[in-house]
Amino acid sequence: MSSASMSFGRPTRITIPRGSLWFANMAAALINGIRRIDRWQLAHRQNEPQTPEEVLAWASRIEASDPSFAADLRGAVQRSNSQSGH
């Protein structure tokens, strides 16, 4: 028995189908868009009122949808002002 080389044809080039590249680019763009929305929502959520004036402005904004909570916020501001001597 002799050792002979065996050839199975030309080596084939592996090419990625166009549709999969398009899909991968769209998926990456969608994920980046969702991450931007997430960062925007987290940054927006951290804006909590810090001063009595901001709490009163918040109470004014929610007056139509939640009047009892707005009244509670105003009461808290008044109690805070009376305790601090304003």
C-alpha atoms as a PDB file:
ATOM      1  CA  MET A   1       0.000   0.000   0.000  1.00  0.00           C
ATOM      2  CA  SER A   2       1.397   3.332  -0.942  1.00  0.00           C
ATOM      3  CA  SER A   3       0.722   6.624   0.670  1.00  0.00           C
ATOM      4  CA  ALA A   4      -1.050   8.826  -1.797  1.00  0.00           C
ATOM      5  CA  SER A   5      -2.454  12.250  -1.303  1.00  0.00           C
ATOM      6  CA  MET A   6      -6.149  12.589  -1.549  1.00  0.00           C
ATOM      7  CA  SER A   7      -7.798  15.721  -2.816  1.00  0.00           C
ATOM      8  CA  PHE A   8     -11.447  16.447  -2.364  1.00  0.00           C
ATOM      9  CA  GLY A   9     -11.706  19.456  -4.627  1.00  0.00           C
ATOM     10  CA  ARG A  10     -10.983  23.111  -4.257  1.00  0.00           C
ATOM     11  CA  PRO A  11     -11.250  24.643  -0.795  1.00  0.00           C
ATOM     12  CA  THR A  12     -14.482  26.581  -0.554  1.00  0.00           C
ATOM     13  CA  ARG A  13     -14.736  30.092   0.721  1.00  0.00           C
ATOM     14  CA  ILE A  14     -17.255  30.629   3.429  1.00  0.00           C
ATOM     15  CA  THR A  15     -19.348  33.698   2.743  1.00  0.00           C
ATOM     16  CA  ILE A  16     -21.900  35.209   5.056  1.00  0.00           C
ATOM     17  CA  PRO A  17     -25.289  35.623   3.400  1.00  0.00           C
ATOM     18  CA  ARG A  18     -26.326  39.255   2.822  1.00  0.00           C
ATOM     19  CA  GLY A  19     -29.546  38.881   4.728  1.00  0.00           C
ATOM     20  CA  SER A  20     -27.781  37.842   7.900  1.00  0.00           C
ATOM     21  CA  LEU A  21     -25.466  40.874   7.781  1.00  0.00           C
ATOM     22  CA  TRP A  22     -28.479  43.142   7.329  1.00  0.00           C
ATOM     23  CA  PHE A  23     -30.273  41.429  10.203  1.00  0.00           C
ATOM     24  CA  ALA A  24     -27.219  41.698  12.474  1.00  0.00           C
ATOM     25  CA  ASN A  25     -26.864  45.425  11.751  1.00  0.00           C
ATOM     26  CA  MET A  26     -30.556  46.034  12.414  1.00  0.00           C
ATOM     27  CA  ALA A  27     -30.424  44.037  15.664  1.00  0.00           C
ATOM     28  CA  ALA A  28     -27.399  46.031  16.834  1.00  0.00           C
ATOM     29  CA  ALA A  29     -29.147  49.312  16.002  1.00  0.00           C
ATOM     30  CA  LEU A  30     -32.270  48.204  17.868  1.00  0.00           C
ATOM     31  CA  ILE A  31     -30.273  47.188  20.942  1.00  0.00           C
ATOM     32  CA  ASN A  32     -28.427  50.523  20.931  1.00  0.00           C
ATOM     33  CA  GLY A  33     -31.735  52.370  20.649  1.00  0.00           C
ATOM     34  CA  ILE A  34     -33.202  50.455  23.585  1.00  0.00           C
ATOM     35  CA  ARG A  35     -30.098  51.183  25.659  1.00  0.00           C
ATOM     36  CA  ARG A  36     -30.419  54.915  24.906  1.00  0.00           C
ATOM     37  CA  ILE A  37     -34.060  54.899  25.964  1.00  0.00           C
ATOM     38  CA  ASP A  38     -33.128  53.050  29.149  1.00  0.00           C
ATOM     39  CA  ARG A  39     -30.386  55.565  30.016  1.00  0.00           C
ATOM     40  CA  TRP A  40     -32.772  58.448  29.293  1.00  0.00           C
ATOM     41  CA  GLN A  41     -35.464  56.989  31.558  1.00  0.00           C
ATOM     42  CA  LEU A  42     -33.003  56.359  34.371  1.00  0.00           C
ATOM     43  CA  ALA A  43     -31.633  59.893  34.125  1.00  0.00           C
ATOM     44  CA  HIS A  44     -35.150  61.331  34.020  1.00  0.00           C
ATOM     45  CA  ARG A  45     -36.187  59.338  37.071  1.00  0.00           C
ATOM     46  CA  GLN A  46     -33.374  60.736  39.229  1.00  0.00           C
ATOM     47  CA  ASN A  47     -34.809  64.242  39.067  1.00  0.00           C
ATOM     48  CA  GLU A  48     -36.460  64.286  42.467  1.00  0.00           C
ATOM     49  CA  PRO A  49     -37.532  67.568  44.034  1.00  0.00           C
ATOM     50  CA  GLN A  50     -34.905  68.889  46.424  1.00  0.00           C
ATOM     51  CA  THR A  51     -36.316  72.208  47.607  1.00  0.00           C
ATOM     52  CA  PRO A  52     -39.749  73.241  48.921  1.00  0.00           C
ATOM     53  CA  GLU A  53     -40.304  75.236  45.730  1.00  0.00           C
ATOM     54  CA  GLU A  54     -39.691  72.136  43.614  1.00  0.00           C
ATOM     55  CA  VAL A  55     -42.091  70.118  45.776  1.00  0.00           C
ATOM     56  CA  LEU A  56     -44.763  72.795  45.333  1.00  0.00           C
ATOM     57  CA  ALA A  57     -44.197  72.788  41.558  1.00  0.00           C
ATOM     58  CA  TRP A  58     -44.550  68.995  41.563  1.00  0.00           C
ATOM     59  CA  ALA A  59     -47.784  69.294  43.535  1.00  0.00           C
ATOM     60  CA  SER A  60     -49.117  71.739  40.957  1.00  0.00           C
ATOM     61  CA  ARG A  61     -48.264  69.364  38.109  1.00  0.00           C
ATOM     62  CA  ILE A  62     -50.074  66.394  39.650  1.00  0.00           C
ATOM     63  CA  GLU A  63     -53.057  68.331  41.021  1.00  0.00           C
ATOM     64  CA  ALA A  64     -55.411  67.218  38.234  1.00  0.00           C
ATOM     65  CA  SER A  65     -54.499  63.529  38.379  1.00  0.00           C
ATOM     66  CA  ASP A  66     -53.964  63.072  42.147  1.00  0.00           C
ATOM     67  CA  PRO A  67     -55.380  65.966  44.209  1.00  0.00           C
ATOM     68  CA  SER A  68     -55.046  64.240  47.593  1.00  0.00           C
ATOM     69  CA  PHE A  69     -51.339  63.524  47.094  1.00  0.00           C
ATOM     70  CA  ALA A  70     -50.801  67.107  45.906  1.00  0.00           C
ATOM     71  CA  ALA A  71     -52.482  68.337  49.096  1.00  0.00           C
ATOM     72  CA  ASP A  72     -50.234  66.051  51.162  1.00  0.00           C
ATOM     73  CA  LEU A  73     -47.167  67.480  49.436  1.00  0.00           C
ATOM     74  CA  ARG A  74     -48.291  71.040  50.128  1.00  0.00           C
ATOM     75  CA  GLY A  75     -48.931  70.147  53.772  1.00  0.00           C
ATOM     76  CA  ALA A  76     -45.464  68.644  54.080  1.00  0.00           C
ATOM     77  CA  VAL A  77     -43.920  71.825  52.672  1.00  0.00           C
ATOM     78  CA  GLN A  78     -45.911  73.955  55.133  1.00  0.00           C
ATOM     79  CA  ARG A  79     -44.876  71.761  58.084  1.00  0.00           C
ATOM     80  CA  SER A  80     -41.258  71.901  56.950  1.00  0.00           C
ATOM     81  CA  ASN A  81     -41.378  75.680  56.639  1.00  0.00           C
ATOM     82  CA  SER A  82     -42.978  76.086  60.090  1.00  0.00           C
ATOM     83  CA  GLN A  83     -40.395  73.799  61.736  1.00  0.00           C
ATOM     84  CA  SER A  84     -37.438  75.547  60.128  1.00  0.00           C
ATOM     85  CA  GLY A  85     -38.753  79.003  61.045  1.00  0.00           C
ATOM     86  CA  HIS A  86     -39.587  80.373  57.553  1.00  0.00           C
END
